[in-house]
Amino acid sequence: MKDFKTLTLYQKAIVLEDEIDEIVKNFPQEEKYRLVDQLIRCVTSIGANIAESNGGQYAGRERYHLGIAFGSANETRYWIERAFRKGYIDRDTFERLDEKAQELRRIMAGIFKRLDNNQSA
């Protein structure tokens, strides 16, 4: 069983989480319990669910938690787009963060394929 902290997917999720943690410090105070709270919740959900999906002996559990992480990556993309539309981040920052979230989704899609192939074998 591999430690989730060694997984590339987890490490990339943490990089995105740390970057967003820093960026939201500059958001307006009135967004603290709206956009900031939602963004932090969904981006931390990615790493937490990757960690929870790892270590189980059942593909169903792995698939379930990866599905939540995948959905959280989608939600993260929504909130960073909202931050861009509101003018809290510039286009370069938006595109960089969005690409990182999309990369996580691509990696998870590959894991879903692997799980499907193992299940049908």
N, C-alpha and C. Protein backbone atom coordinates (compact mmCIF):
# COMPACT_ATOMS: atom_id res chain seq x y z
N MET A 1 0.85 -1.17 0.00
CA MET A 1 0.00 0.00 0.00
C MET A 1 0.90 1.24 0.00
N LYS A 2 0.64 2.14 -0.91
CA LYS A 2 1.46 3.33 -1.08
C LYS A 2 0.91 4.47 -0.23
N ASP A 3 1.82 5.23 0.39
CA ASP A 3 1.43 6.39 1.17
C ASP A 3 0.89 7.47 0.24
N PHE A 4 -0.30 7.97 0.53
CA PHE A 4 -0.93 8.96 -0.35
C PHE A 4 -0.06 10.19 -0.57
N LYS A 5 0.80 10.51 0.39
CA LYS A 5 1.65 11.70 0.27
C LYS A 5 2.67 11.58 -0.85
N THR A 6 2.94 10.35 -1.28
CA THR A 6 3.91 10.14 -2.36
C THR A 6 3.26 10.18 -3.75
N LEU A 7 1.94 10.21 -3.80
CA LEU A 7 1.24 10.22 -5.09
C LEU A 7 1.39 11.57 -5.79
N THR A 8 1.72 11.53 -7.05
CA THR A 8 1.83 12.76 -7.84
C THR A 8 0.52 13.54 -7.81
N LEU A 9 -0.60 12.84 -7.91
CA LEU A 9 -1.90 13.50 -7.90
C LEU A 9 -2.09 14.29 -6.60
N TYR A 10 -1.78 13.68 -5.49
CA TYR A 10 -1.91 14.36 -4.19
C TYR A 10 -0.96 15.55 -4.12
N GLN A 11 0.27 15.37 -4.52
CA GLN A 11 1.25 16.46 -4.46
C GLN A 11 0.81 17.65 -5.31
N LYS A 12 0.27 17.39 -6.49
CA LYS A 12 -0.22 18.47 -7.35
C LYS A 12 -1.44 19.15 -6.73
N ALA A 13 -2.29 18.38 -6.06
CA ALA A 13 -3.46 18.96 -5.40
C ALA A 13 -3.02 19.91 -4.28
N ILE A 14 -1.98 19.53 -3.55
CA ILE A 14 -1.49 20.36 -2.46
C ILE A 14 -0.86 21.64 -3.00
N VAL A 15 -0.17 21.57 -4.11
CA VAL A 15 0.41 22.77 -4.73
C VAL A 15 -0.71 23.76 -5.07
N LEU A 16 -1.79 23.25 -5.68
CA LEU A 16 -2.92 24.12 -6.02
C LEU A 16 -3.55 24.69 -4.76
N GLU A 17 -3.73 23.86 -3.76
CA GLU A 17 -4.32 24.32 -2.50
C GLU A 17 -3.48 25.43 -1.87
N ASP A 18 -2.16 25.22 -1.81
CA ASP A 18 -1.27 26.23 -1.21
C ASP A 18 -1.31 27.54 -1.98
N GLU A 19 -1.34 27.44 -3.30
CA GLU A 19 -1.38 28.65 -4.13
C GLU A 19 -2.68 29.42 -3.91
N ILE A 20 -3.78 28.71 -3.85
CA ILE A 20 -5.06 29.37 -3.61
C ILE A 20 -5.11 29.97 -2.21
N ASP A 21 -4.55 29.27 -1.22
CA ASP A 21 -4.48 29.82 0.14
C ASP A 21 -3.81 31.19 0.14
N GLU A 22 -2.75 31.33 -0.62
CA GLU A 22 -2.03 32.61 -0.67
C GLU A 22 -2.82 33.68 -1.42
N ILE A 23 -3.41 33.30 -2.53
CA ILE A 23 -4.13 34.27 -3.37
C ILE A 23 -5.33 34.86 -2.65
N VAL A 24 -6.08 34.05 -1.93
CA VAL A 24 -7.31 34.55 -1.31
C VAL A 24 -7.05 35.53 -0.17
N LYS A 25 -5.82 35.57 0.31
CA LYS A 25 -5.48 36.54 1.35
C LYS A 25 -5.67 37.98 0.86
N ASN A 26 -5.62 38.17 -0.46
CA ASN A 26 -5.77 39.50 -1.05
C ASN A 26 -7.20 39.81 -1.49
N PHE A 27 -8.12 38.89 -1.29
CA PHE A 27 -9.50 39.13 -1.68
C PHE A 27 -10.14 40.11 -0.69
N PRO A 28 -11.17 40.82 -1.13
CA PRO A 28 -11.85 41.76 -0.23
C PRO A 28 -12.46 41.05 0.99
N GLN A 29 -12.51 41.74 2.10
CA GLN A 29 -13.04 41.19 3.35
C GLN A 29 -14.48 40.70 3.18
N GLU A 30 -15.27 41.39 2.38
CA GLU A 30 -16.67 40.99 2.22
C GLU A 30 -16.82 39.63 1.53
N GLU A 31 -15.76 39.15 0.92
CA GLU A 31 -15.80 37.83 0.27
C GLU A 31 -15.36 36.70 1.20
N LYS A 32 -14.95 37.02 2.44
CA LYS A 32 -14.41 36.01 3.35
C LYS A 32 -15.37 34.84 3.56
N TYR A 33 -16.64 35.12 3.73
CA TYR A 33 -17.61 34.04 4.00
C TYR A 33 -18.42 33.67 2.77
N ARG A 34 -18.01 34.16 1.64
CA ARG A 34 -18.66 33.78 0.38
C ARG A 34 -17.63 33.09 -0.49
N LEU A 35 -17.04 33.79 -1.38
CA LEU A 35 -16.13 33.21 -2.35
C LEU A 35 -14.92 32.55 -1.69
N VAL A 36 -14.28 33.20 -0.74
CA VAL A 36 -13.08 32.63 -0.11
C VAL A 36 -13.41 31.32 0.59
N ASP A 37 -14.46 31.33 1.39
CA ASP A 37 -14.85 30.12 2.12
C ASP A 37 -15.15 28.97 1.16
N GLN A 38 -15.91 29.25 0.12
CA GLN A 38 -16.26 28.20 -0.85
C GLN A 38 -15.03 27.69 -1.58
N LEU A 39 -14.17 28.59 -1.98
CA LEU A 39 -12.97 28.20 -2.72
C LEU A 39 -12.04 27.34 -1.86
N ILE A 40 -11.83 27.75 -0.62
CA ILE A 40 -10.98 26.96 0.27
C ILE A 40 -11.59 25.59 0.55
N ARG A 41 -12.90 25.55 0.76
CA ARG A 41 -13.56 24.26 1.02
C ARG A 41 -13.39 23.28 -0.14
N CYS A 42 -13.62 23.76 -1.35
CA CYS A 42 -13.55 22.82 -2.48
C CYS A 42 -12.12 22.42 -2.82
N VAL A 43 -11.17 23.36 -2.72
CA VAL A 43 -9.80 22.99 -3.07
C VAL A 43 -9.20 22.06 -2.02
N THR A 44 -9.55 22.22 -0.74
CA THR A 44 -9.04 21.28 0.27
C THR A 44 -9.72 19.93 0.16
N SER A 45 -10.93 19.91 -0.35
CA SER A 45 -11.65 18.65 -0.56
C SER A 45 -10.93 17.76 -1.58
N ILE A 46 -10.26 18.38 -2.53
CA ILE A 46 -9.55 17.58 -3.54
C ILE A 46 -8.50 16.71 -2.86
N GLY A 47 -7.58 17.34 -2.15
CA GLY A 47 -6.50 16.59 -1.49
C GLY A 47 -7.01 15.62 -0.44
N ALA A 48 -8.01 16.06 0.34
CA ALA A 48 -8.54 15.21 1.40
C ALA A 48 -9.16 13.94 0.82
N ASN A 49 -9.88 14.07 -0.28
CA ASN A 49 -10.52 12.89 -0.86
C ASN A 49 -9.54 12.01 -1.62
N ILE A 50 -8.48 12.60 -2.15
CA ILE A 50 -7.41 11.77 -2.74
C ILE A 50 -6.78 10.93 -1.64
N ALA A 51 -6.51 11.55 -0.50
CA ALA A 51 -5.93 10.83 0.63
C ALA A 51 -6.86 9.71 1.09
N GLU A 52 -8.14 10.03 1.19
CA GLU A 52 -9.10 9.03 1.66
C GLU A 52 -9.30 7.90 0.67
N SER A 53 -9.13 8.19 -0.61
CA SER A 53 -9.31 7.13 -1.62
C SER A 53 -8.15 6.16 -1.64
N ASN A 54 -7.02 6.58 -1.16
CA ASN A 54 -5.82 5.74 -1.19
C ASN A 54 -5.75 4.86 0.06
N GLY A 55 -5.29 3.68 -0.13
CA GLY A 55 -5.08 2.81 1.02
C GLY A 55 -6.19 1.80 1.22
N GLY A 56 -7.31 2.02 0.55
CA GLY A 56 -8.39 1.04 0.66
C GLY A 56 -8.11 -0.14 -0.24
N GLN A 57 -8.68 -1.26 0.09
CA GLN A 57 -8.49 -2.44 -0.74
C GLN A 57 -9.62 -2.60 -1.74
N TYR A 58 -10.55 -1.67 -1.74
CA TYR A 58 -11.72 -1.81 -2.59
C TYR A 58 -11.77 -0.69 -3.62
N ALA A 59 -11.87 -1.09 -4.88
CA ALA A 59 -11.92 -0.11 -5.96
C ALA A 59 -13.14 0.79 -5.83
N GLY A 60 -14.22 0.28 -5.26
CA GLY A 60 -15.43 1.09 -5.09
C GLY A 60 -15.19 2.28 -4.19
N ARG A 61 -14.45 2.04 -3.12
CA ARG A 61 -14.12 3.14 -2.20
C ARG A 61 -13.20 4.14 -2.89
N GLU A 62 -12.22 3.65 -3.61
CA GLU A 62 -11.29 4.53 -4.34
C GLU A 62 -12.07 5.37 -5.36
N ARG A 63 -12.96 4.73 -6.10
CA ARG A 63 -13.76 5.42 -7.11
C ARG A 63 -14.67 6.47 -6.45
N TYR A 64 -15.28 6.13 -5.35
CA TYR A 64 -16.19 7.06 -4.66
C TYR A 64 -15.46 8.34 -4.26
N HIS A 65 -14.33 8.19 -3.58
CA HIS A 65 -13.61 9.37 -3.09
C HIS A 65 -12.94 10.14 -4.24
N LEU A 66 -12.48 9.43 -5.24
CA LEU A 66 -11.94 10.13 -6.41
C LEU A 66 -13.04 10.90 -7.13
N GLY A 67 -14.24 10.35 -7.13
CA GLY A 67 -15.37 11.07 -7.73
C GLY A 67 -15.66 12.37 -7.01
N ILE A 68 -15.57 12.34 -5.70
CA ILE A 68 -15.75 13.57 -4.93
C ILE A 68 -14.62 14.55 -5.23
N ALA A 69 -13.38 14.06 -5.28
CA ALA A 69 -12.24 14.92 -5.60
C ALA A 69 -12.39 15.52 -6.99
N PHE A 70 -12.88 14.72 -7.95
CA PHE A 70 -13.09 15.21 -9.31
C PHE A 70 -14.12 16.33 -9.31
N GLY A 71 -15.22 16.12 -8.60
CA GLY A 71 -16.25 17.15 -8.50
C GLY A 71 -15.72 18.41 -7.82
N SER A 72 -14.88 18.23 -6.82
CA SER A 72 -14.30 19.38 -6.12
C SER A 72 -13.34 20.15 -7.04
N ALA A 73 -12.64 19.44 -7.92
CA ALA A 73 -11.78 20.12 -8.90
C ALA A 73 -12.62 20.95 -9.86
N ASN A 74 -13.78 20.40 -10.26
CA ASN A 74 -14.69 21.18 -11.11
C ASN A 74 -15.20 22.41 -10.37
N GLU A 75 -15.57 22.22 -9.11
CA GLU A 75 -16.06 23.35 -8.32
C GLU A 75 -14.97 24.41 -8.14
N THR A 76 -13.75 23.97 -7.93
CA THR A 76 -12.63 24.90 -7.81
C THR A 76 -12.52 25.75 -9.07
N ARG A 77 -12.66 25.11 -10.22
CA ARG A 77 -12.61 25.85 -11.48
C ARG A 77 -13.71 26.91 -11.53
N TYR A 78 -14.90 26.57 -11.06
CA TYR A 78 -15.99 27.55 -11.04
C TYR A 78 -15.61 28.76 -10.18
N TRP A 79 -15.13 28.50 -8.96
CA TRP A 79 -14.85 29.60 -8.03
C TRP A 79 -13.68 30.46 -8.49
N ILE A 80 -12.67 29.87 -9.12
CA ILE A 80 -11.58 30.72 -9.61
C ILE A 80 -12.04 31.53 -10.82
N GLU A 81 -12.97 30.98 -11.59
CA GLU A 81 -13.53 31.76 -12.69
C GLU A 81 -14.33 32.94 -12.13
N ARG A 82 -15.07 32.70 -11.07
CA ARG A 82 -15.82 33.78 -10.43
C ARG A 82 -14.87 34.85 -9.89
N ALA A 83 -13.77 34.43 -9.28
CA ALA A 83 -12.79 35.39 -8.77
C ALA A 83 -12.23 36.23 -9.92
N PHE A 84 -12.01 35.61 -11.07
CA PHE A 84 -11.54 36.34 -12.24
C PHE A 84 -12.60 37.33 -12.73
N ARG A 85 -13.84 36.86 -12.83
CA ARG A 85 -14.92 37.74 -13.30
C ARG A 85 -15.11 38.94 -12.38
N LYS A 86 -14.88 38.74 -11.08
CA LYS A 86 -15.02 39.82 -10.11
C LYS A 86 -13.79 40.74 -10.08
N GLY A 87 -12.73 40.35 -10.78
CA GLY A 87 -11.52 41.16 -10.83
C GLY A 87 -10.57 40.95 -9.66
N TYR A 88 -10.74 39.85 -8.92
CA TYR A 88 -9.87 39.58 -7.77
C TYR A 88 -8.56 38.93 -8.18
N ILE A 89 -8.56 38.28 -9.35
CA ILE A 89 -7.33 37.72 -9.91
C ILE A 89 -7.24 38.14 -11.37
N ASP A 90 -6.03 38.21 -11.88
CA ASP A 90 -5.85 38.59 -13.29
C ASP A 90 -5.96 37.36 -14.19
N ARG A 91 -5.96 37.60 -15.48
CA ARG A 91 -6.14 36.51 -16.45
C ARG A 91 -5.04 35.45 -16.33
N ASP A 92 -3.79 35.87 -16.17
CA ASP A 92 -2.69 34.90 -16.06
C ASP A 92 -2.87 33.99 -14.85
N THR A 93 -3.25 34.58 -13.73
CA THR A 93 -3.47 33.79 -12.51
C THR A 93 -4.64 32.83 -12.72
N PHE A 94 -5.72 33.34 -13.29
CA PHE A 94 -6.88 32.49 -13.57
C PHE A 94 -6.48 31.31 -14.45
N GLU A 95 -5.79 31.59 -15.55
CA GLU A 95 -5.43 30.52 -16.49
C GLU A 95 -4.48 29.51 -15.84
N ARG A 96 -3.55 29.97 -15.03
CA ARG A 96 -2.61 29.07 -14.35
C ARG A 96 -3.35 28.15 -13.38
N LEU A 97 -4.23 28.74 -12.56
CA LEU A 97 -4.98 27.94 -11.59
C LEU A 97 -5.94 26.98 -12.28
N ASP A 98 -6.60 27.47 -13.33
CA ASP A 98 -7.54 26.63 -14.06
C ASP A 98 -6.83 25.45 -14.70
N GLU A 99 -5.66 25.68 -15.25
CA GLU A 99 -4.89 24.60 -15.86
C GLU A 99 -4.47 23.56 -14.82
N LYS A 100 -4.10 24.02 -13.64
CA LYS A 100 -3.73 23.08 -12.57
C LYS A 100 -4.93 22.22 -12.16
N ALA A 101 -6.09 22.83 -12.06
CA ALA A 101 -7.30 22.07 -11.72
C ALA A 101 -7.65 21.09 -12.84
N GLN A 102 -7.49 21.51 -14.08
CA GLN A 102 -7.77 20.62 -15.20
C GLN A 102 -6.78 19.45 -15.25
N GLU A 103 -5.52 19.73 -14.90
CA GLU A 103 -4.52 18.66 -14.87
C GLU A 103 -4.91 17.60 -13.84
N LEU A 104 -5.39 18.04 -12.68
CA LEU A 104 -5.85 17.09 -11.67
C LEU A 104 -6.99 16.24 -12.22
N ARG A 105 -7.92 16.86 -12.93
CA ARG A 105 -9.05 16.14 -13.52
C ARG A 105 -8.56 15.10 -14.53
N ARG A 106 -7.56 15.48 -15.34
CA ARG A 106 -7.03 14.54 -16.34
C ARG A 106 -6.38 13.33 -15.66
N ILE A 107 -5.62 13.58 -14.61
CA ILE A 107 -4.98 12.47 -13.89
C ILE A 107 -6.05 11.56 -13.29
N MET A 108 -7.07 12.17 -12.67
CA MET A 108 -8.13 11.35 -12.08
C MET A 108 -8.89 10.57 -13.15
N ALA A 109 -9.10 11.16 -14.32
CA ALA A 109 -9.77 10.45 -15.40
C ALA A 109 -8.97 9.21 -15.80
N GLY A 110 -7.65 9.34 -15.80
CA GLY A 110 -6.79 8.19 -16.09
C GLY A 110 -6.92 7.10 -15.03
N ILE A 111 -7.05 7.52 -13.78
CA ILE A 111 -7.23 6.54 -12.69
C ILE A 111 -8.58 5.84 -12.83
N PHE A 112 -9.61 6.59 -13.19
CA PHE A 112 -10.93 5.98 -13.41
C PHE A 112 -10.85 4.92 -14.51
N LYS A 113 -10.11 5.22 -15.59
CA LYS A 113 -9.95 4.25 -16.68
C LYS A 113 -9.25 2.99 -16.18
N ARG A 114 -8.20 3.18 -15.38
CA ARG A 114 -7.46 2.04 -14.82
C ARG A 114 -8.38 1.19 -13.97
N LEU A 115 -9.18 1.85 -13.12
CA LEU A 115 -10.11 1.12 -12.26
C LEU A 115 -11.13 0.35 -13.11
N ASP A 116 -11.62 0.97 -14.17
CA ASP A 116 -12.58 0.29 -15.05
C ASP A 116 -11.95 -0.92 -15.72
N ASN A 117 -10.69 -0.77 -16.18
CA ASN A 117 -10.01 -1.88 -16.83
C ASN A 117 -9.75 -3.02 -15.85
N ASN A 118 -9.39 -2.70 -14.62
CA ASN A 118 -9.16 -3.74 -13.60
C ASN A 118 -10.44 -4.45 -13.22
N GLN A 119 -11.55 -3.72 -13.24
CA GLN A 119 -12.83 -4.31 -12.88
C GLN A 119 -13.32 -5.26 -13.95
N SER A 120 -13.06 -4.94 -15.23
CA SER A 120 -13.55 -5.78 -16.31
C SER A 120 -12.61 -6.94 -16.62
N ALA A 121 -11.42 -6.92 -16.02
CA ALA A 121 -10.45 -7.99 -16.29
C ALA A 121 -10.75 -9.23 -15.47
